[in-house]
């Protein structure tokens, strides 16, 4: 009878955003994980099924590096979200204010139909509200560009840190096979 080599695996499932799927695959493969399947999950997510050999050498170091890589990846994603978060909040609030100014102008025109000064004031408020709506996107774009410029160097540093962690993990895997 022929002897078979038995390999015991450990398993893990990870859910990531769809746009981060390839980056997550690179991260986990650098620490010995093999993707066995993927499934689309709710709200633009992908669930990756992973497995790796339980009897790897340097397993403690790989786990430590994997946690560092996950943390660094979370920092990168948070910084990318921060580029638009503040600008979005400002744009929503400014848009609501613009709509209220526009609505106030409409109210003046409609409520005081016989008054010429109210009509002129209402038209002026309406035009101001429309101008505010038109300026909103330009302000949003400018705020996003300013925040992007601020965090771009930090994102680059985090990307470099992640690349170094992945190289260390891959070197530990290679040291095992040599």
C-alpha atoms as a PDB file:
ATOM      1  CA  UNK A   1       0.000   0.000   0.000  1.00  0.00           C
ATOM      2  CA  UNK A   2       1.232   3.455  -0.880  1.00  0.00           C
ATOM      3  CA  UNK A   3       1.748   6.038   1.873  1.00  0.00           C
ATOM      4  CA  UNK A   4       0.092   9.414   1.429  1.00  0.00           C
ATOM      5  CA  UNK A   5       1.446  12.635   2.805  1.00  0.00           C
ATOM      6  CA  UNK A   6      -1.235  14.044   5.061  1.00  0.00           C
ATOM      7  CA  UNK A   7      -1.373  17.820   5.326  1.00  0.00           C
ATOM      8  CA  UNK A   8      -3.432  19.475   8.020  1.00  0.00           C
ATOM      9  CA  UNK A   9      -4.794  22.892   7.097  1.00  0.00           C
ATOM     10  CA  UNK A  10      -6.118  25.842   9.032  1.00  0.00           C
ATOM     11  CA  UNK A  11      -8.962  27.803   7.496  1.00  0.00           C
ATOM     12  CA  UNK A  12     -10.021  31.418   7.559  1.00  0.00           C
ATOM     13  CA  UNK A  13     -12.667  33.585   5.913  1.00  0.00           C
ATOM     14  CA  UNK A  14     -12.187  37.291   5.338  1.00  0.00           C
ATOM     15  CA  UNK A  15     -14.696  39.813   3.998  1.00  0.00           C
ATOM     16  CA  UNK A  16     -13.298  42.789   2.098  1.00  0.00           C
ATOM     17  CA  UNK A  17     -14.713  45.428  -0.221  1.00  0.00           C
ATOM     18  CA  UNK A  18     -14.884  44.420  -3.868  1.00  0.00           C
ATOM     19  CA  UNK A  19     -12.305  47.004  -4.946  1.00  0.00           C
ATOM     20  CA  UNK A  20      -9.846  45.698  -2.299  1.00  0.00           C
ATOM     21  CA  UNK A  21     -10.089  42.046  -3.370  1.00  0.00           C
ATOM     22  CA  UNK A  22      -6.792  41.824  -5.256  1.00  0.00           C
ATOM     23  CA  UNK A  23      -4.893  43.729  -2.573  1.00  0.00           C
ATOM     24  CA  UNK A  24      -6.308  41.442   0.126  1.00  0.00           C
ATOM     25  CA  UNK A  25      -5.327  38.412  -1.960  1.00  0.00           C
ATOM     26  CA  UNK A  26      -1.747  39.720  -2.177  1.00  0.00           C
ATOM     27  CA  UNK A  27      -1.647  40.389   1.558  1.00  0.00           C
ATOM     28  CA  UNK A  28      -2.846  36.937   2.607  1.00  0.00           C
ATOM     29  CA  UNK A  29      -0.810  35.046   0.009  1.00  0.00           C
ATOM     30  CA  UNK A  30       2.333  36.724   1.362  1.00  0.00           C
ATOM     31  CA  UNK A  31       1.706  34.918   4.662  1.00  0.00           C
ATOM     32  CA  UNK A  32       1.108  31.459   3.220  1.00  0.00           C
ATOM     33  CA  UNK A  33      -2.655  31.591   2.749  1.00  0.00           C
ATOM     34  CA  UNK A  34      -4.135  30.089  -0.378  1.00  0.00           C
ATOM     35  CA  UNK A  35      -7.473  31.361  -1.688  1.00  0.00           C
ATOM     36  CA  UNK A  36      -9.846  28.435  -2.033  1.00  0.00           C
ATOM     37  CA  UNK A  37     -12.912  30.407  -3.030  1.00  0.00           C
ATOM     38  CA  UNK A  38     -14.625  33.747  -3.074  1.00  0.00           C
ATOM     39  CA  UNK A  39     -18.244  34.771  -2.834  1.00  0.00           C
ATOM     40  CA  UNK A  40     -20.013  38.064  -3.258  1.00  0.00           C
ATOM     41  CA  UNK A  41     -21.485  39.288   0.011  1.00  0.00           C
ATOM     42  CA  UNK A  42     -23.940  42.040   0.818  1.00  0.00           C
ATOM     43  CA  UNK A  43     -23.167  45.714   0.267  1.00  0.00           C
ATOM     44  CA  UNK A  44     -20.304  45.545  -2.255  1.00  0.00           C
ATOM     45  CA  UNK A  45     -18.238  43.006  -0.354  1.00  0.00           C
ATOM     46  CA  UNK A  46     -16.370  39.825  -1.219  1.00  0.00           C
ATOM     47  CA  UNK A  47     -15.807  36.946   1.198  1.00  0.00           C
ATOM     48  CA  UNK A  48     -12.527  35.133   0.620  1.00  0.00           C
ATOM     49  CA  UNK A  49     -12.071  31.567   1.847  1.00  0.00           C
ATOM     50  CA  UNK A  50      -8.451  30.856   2.746  1.00  0.00           C
ATOM     51  CA  UNK A  51      -6.390  27.872   3.852  1.00  0.00           C
ATOM     52  CA  UNK A  52      -2.761  27.248   4.782  1.00  0.00           C
ATOM     53  CA  UNK A  53      -0.630  24.471   6.201  1.00  0.00           C
ATOM     54  CA  UNK A  54      -0.909  24.211   9.990  1.00  0.00           C
ATOM     55  CA  UNK A  55       2.669  23.033  10.401  1.00  0.00           C
ATOM     56  CA  UNK A  56       4.439  26.018   8.921  1.00  0.00           C
ATOM     57  CA  UNK A  57       7.717  27.079  10.352  1.00  0.00           C
ATOM     58  CA  UNK A  58       7.803  30.644  11.687  1.00  0.00           C
ATOM     59  CA  UNK A  59       4.036  30.564  12.220  1.00  0.00           C
ATOM     60  CA  UNK A  60       4.131  32.977  15.172  1.00  0.00           C
ATOM     61  CA  UNK A  61       6.156  35.510  13.198  1.00  0.00           C
ATOM     62  CA  UNK A  62       3.849  35.134  10.197  1.00  0.00           C
ATOM     63  CA  UNK A  63       0.791  35.728  12.380  1.00  0.00           C
ATOM     64  CA  UNK A  64       2.397  38.819  13.897  1.00  0.00           C
ATOM     65  CA  UNK A  65       3.292  40.213  10.470  1.00  0.00           C
ATOM     66  CA  UNK A  66      -0.197  39.369   9.184  1.00  0.00           C
ATOM     67  CA  UNK A  67      -1.805  41.404  11.986  1.00  0.00           C
ATOM     68  CA  UNK A  68       0.537  44.311  11.220  1.00  0.00           C
ATOM     69  CA  UNK A  69      -0.350  44.114   7.526  1.00  0.00           C
ATOM     70  CA  UNK A  70      -4.094  44.056   8.294  1.00  0.00           C
ATOM     71  CA  UNK A  71      -3.682  47.076  10.564  1.00  0.00           C
ATOM     72  CA  UNK A  72      -1.664  48.968   7.942  1.00  0.00           C
ATOM     73  CA  UNK A  73      -4.220  48.092   5.267  1.00  0.00           C
ATOM     74  CA  UNK A  74      -6.951  49.447   7.559  1.00  0.00           C
ATOM     75  CA  UNK A  75      -4.978  52.681   7.986  1.00  0.00           C
ATOM     76  CA  UNK A  76      -4.643  53.049   4.215  1.00  0.00           C
ATOM     77  CA  UNK A  77      -8.366  52.488   3.698  1.00  0.00           C
ATOM     78  CA  UNK A  78      -9.196  54.971   6.470  1.00  0.00           C
ATOM     79  CA  UNK A  79      -6.932  57.599   4.948  1.00  0.00           C
ATOM     80  CA  UNK A  80      -8.525  57.070   1.544  1.00  0.00           C
ATOM     81  CA  UNK A  81     -11.985  57.520   3.087  1.00  0.00           C
ATOM     82  CA  UNK A  82     -10.840  60.654   4.920  1.00  0.00           C
ATOM     83  CA  UNK A  83     -10.075  62.343   1.597  1.00  0.00           C
ATOM     84  CA  UNK A  84     -13.790  62.779   0.873  1.00  0.00           C
ATOM     85  CA  UNK A  85     -15.498  62.443   4.265  1.00  0.00           C
ATOM     86  CA  UNK A  86     -15.144  66.020   5.492  1.00  0.00           C
ATOM     87  CA  UNK A  87     -15.872  67.480   2.079  1.00  0.00           C
ATOM     88  CA  UNK A  88     -19.028  65.352   1.794  1.00  0.00           C
ATOM     89  CA  UNK A  89     -20.349  66.539   5.152  1.00  0.00           C
ATOM     90  CA  UNK A  90     -19.680  70.157   4.160  1.00  0.00           C
ATOM     91  CA  UNK A  91     -21.351  69.662   0.760  1.00  0.00           C
ATOM     92  CA  UNK A  92     -24.482  68.151   2.345  1.00  0.00           C
ATOM     93  CA  UNK A  93     -24.830  70.957   4.887  1.00  0.00           C
ATOM     94  CA  UNK A  94     -24.110  73.675   2.318  1.00  0.00           C
ATOM     95  CA  UNK A  95     -26.570  72.059  -0.116  1.00  0.00           C
ATOM     96  CA  UNK A  96     -29.317  72.015   2.515  1.00  0.00           C
ATOM     97  CA  UNK A  97     -28.634  75.679   3.307  1.00  0.00           C
ATOM     98  CA  UNK A  98     -28.761  76.525  -0.420  1.00  0.00           C
ATOM     99  CA  UNK A  99     -32.074  74.708  -0.780  1.00  0.00           C
ATOM    100  CA  UNK A 100     -33.486  76.589   2.225  1.00  0.00           C
ATOM    101  CA  UNK A 101     -32.411  79.944   0.776  1.00  0.00           C
ATOM    102  CA  UNK A 102     -33.956  79.002  -2.565  1.00  0.00           C
ATOM    103  CA  UNK A 103     -37.141  77.850  -0.819  1.00  0.00           C
ATOM    104  CA  UNK A 104     -37.270  81.072   1.201  1.00  0.00           C
ATOM    105  CA  UNK A 105     -37.197  83.048  -2.011  1.00  0.00           C
ATOM    106  CA  UNK A 106     -40.031  80.970  -3.433  1.00  0.00           C
ATOM    107  CA  UNK A 107     -42.065  81.506  -0.273  1.00  0.00           C
ATOM    108  CA  UNK A 108     -41.645  85.269  -0.469  1.00  0.00           C
ATOM    109  CA  UNK A 109     -42.813  85.338  -4.075  1.00  0.00           C
ATOM    110  CA  UNK A 110     -45.787  83.016  -3.487  1.00  0.00           C
ATOM    111  CA  UNK A 111     -47.017  84.343  -0.140  1.00  0.00           C
ATOM    112  CA  UNK A 112     -46.919  88.050  -0.908  1.00  0.00           C
ATOM    113  CA  UNK A 113     -48.309  88.087  -4.430  1.00  0.00           C
ATOM    114  CA  UNK A 114     -49.365  91.737  -4.421  1.00  0.00           C
ATOM    115  CA  UNK A 115     -46.111  93.154  -3.052  1.00  0.00           C
ATOM    116  CA  UNK A 116     -43.455  94.180  -5.556  1.00  0.00           C
ATOM    117  CA  UNK A 117     -40.638  94.481  -2.924  1.00  0.00           C
ATOM    118  CA  UNK A 118     -41.427  90.961  -1.644  1.00  0.00           C
ATOM    119  CA  UNK A 119     -41.332  89.642  -5.205  1.00  0.00           C
ATOM    120  CA  UNK A 120     -37.985  91.309  -5.913  1.00  0.00           C
ATOM    121  CA  UNK A 121     -36.584  90.045  -2.592  1.00  0.00           C
ATOM    122  CA  UNK A 122     -37.904  86.545  -3.315  1.00  0.00           C
ATOM    123  CA  UNK A 123     -36.337  86.516  -6.761  1.00  0.00           C
ATOM    124  CA  UNK A 124     -33.036  87.728  -5.286  1.00  0.00           C
ATOM    125  CA  UNK A 125     -33.134  84.989  -2.608  1.00  0.00           C
ATOM    126  CA  UNK A 126     -33.989  82.394  -5.263  1.00  0.00           C
ATOM    127  CA  UNK A 127     -31.074  83.459  -7.428  1.00  0.00           C
ATOM    128  CA  UNK A 128     -28.771  83.391  -4.387  1.00  0.00           C
ATOM    129  CA  UNK A 129     -29.970  79.844  -3.584  1.00  0.00           C
ATOM    130  CA  UNK A 130     -29.351  78.740  -7.167  1.00  0.00           C
ATOM    131  CA  UNK A 131     -25.877  80.279  -7.105  1.00  0.00           C
ATOM    132  CA  UNK A 132     -25.121  78.473  -3.852  1.00  0.00           C
ATOM    133  CA  UNK A 133     -26.222  75.176  -5.425  1.00  0.00           C
ATOM    134  CA  UNK A 134     -23.971  75.839  -8.412  1.00  0.00           C
ATOM    135  CA  UNK A 135     -20.950  76.656  -6.252  1.00  0.00           C
ATOM    136  CA  UNK A 136     -21.407  73.620  -3.997  1.00  0.00           C
ATOM    137  CA  UNK A 137     -19.650  71.110  -6.262  1.00  0.00           C
ATOM    138  CA  UNK A 138     -16.726  73.450  -6.894  1.00  0.00           C
ATOM    139  CA  UNK A 139     -16.262  73.876  -3.142  1.00  0.00           C
ATOM    140  CA  UNK A 140     -16.501  70.105  -2.644  1.00  0.00           C
ATOM    141  CA  UNK A 141     -13.866  69.468  -5.326  1.00  0.00           C
ATOM    142  CA  UNK A 142     -11.531  72.046  -3.829  1.00  0.00           C
ATOM    143  CA  UNK A 143     -11.883  70.556  -0.315  1.00  0.00           C
ATOM    144  CA  UNK A 144     -11.215  67.034  -1.628  1.00  0.00           C
ATOM    145  CA  UNK A 145      -8.115  68.219  -3.501  1.00  0.00           C
ATOM    146  CA  UNK A 146      -6.810  69.991  -0.399  1.00  0.00           C
ATOM    147  CA  UNK A 147      -7.343  66.946   1.851  1.00  0.00           C
ATOM    148  CA  UNK A 148      -5.851  64.610  -0.767  1.00  0.00           C
ATOM    149  CA  UNK A 149      -2.740  66.749  -0.894  1.00  0.00           C
ATOM    150  CA  UNK A 150      -2.488  66.579   2.922  1.00  0.00           C
ATOM    151  CA  UNK A 151      -2.828  62.801   3.268  1.00  0.00           C
ATOM    152  CA  UNK A 152      -1.037  61.662   0.107  1.00  0.00           C
ATOM    153  CA  UNK A 153       2.389  61.503   1.739  1.00  0.00           C
ATOM    154  CA  UNK A 154       0.975  59.580   4.711  1.00  0.00           C
ATOM    155  CA  UNK A 155      -0.713  57.109   2.349  1.00  0.00           C
ATOM    156  CA  UNK A 156       2.556  56.634   0.470  1.00  0.00           C
ATOM    157  CA  UNK A 157       4.377  55.951   3.751  1.00  0.00           C
ATOM    158  CA  UNK A 158       1.741  53.402   4.738  1.00  0.00           C
ATOM    159  CA  UNK A 159       1.969  51.746   1.315  1.00  0.00           C
ATOM    160  CA  UNK A 160       5.738  51.450   1.729  1.00  0.00           C
ATOM    161  CA  UNK A 161       5.303  50.028   5.239  1.00  0.00           C
ATOM    162  CA  UNK A 162       2.806  47.465   3.917  1.00  0.00           C
ATOM    163  CA  UNK A 163       5.164  46.449   1.104  1.00  0.00           C
ATOM    164  CA  UNK A 164       7.981  45.910   3.626  1.00  0.00           C
ATOM    165  CA  UNK A 165       5.744  43.775   5.849  1.00  0.00           C
ATOM    166  CA  UNK A 166       4.668  41.659   2.871  1.00  0.00           C
ATOM    167  CA  UNK A 167       8.291  41.177   1.822  1.00  0.00           C
ATOM    168  CA  UNK A 168       9.200  40.009   5.343  1.00  0.00           C
ATOM    169  CA  UNK A 169       6.317  37.531   5.296  1.00  0.00           C
ATOM    170  CA  UNK A 170       7.296  36.219   1.895  1.00  0.00           C
ATOM    171  CA  UNK A 171      10.942  35.906   3.017  1.00  0.00           C
ATOM    172  CA  UNK A 172       9.813  33.818   6.012  1.00  0.00           C
ATOM    173  CA  UNK A 173       7.852  31.532   3.692  1.00  0.00           C
ATOM    174  CA  UNK A 174      10.864  31.138   1.396  1.00  0.00           C
ATOM    175  CA  UNK A 175      13.146  30.431   4.359  1.00  0.00           C
ATOM    176  CA  UNK A 176      10.851  27.520   5.163  1.00  0.00           C
ATOM    177  CA  UNK A 177      11.212  25.898   1.763  1.00  0.00           C
ATOM    178  CA  UNK A 178      14.978  26.358   1.359  1.00  0.00           C
END
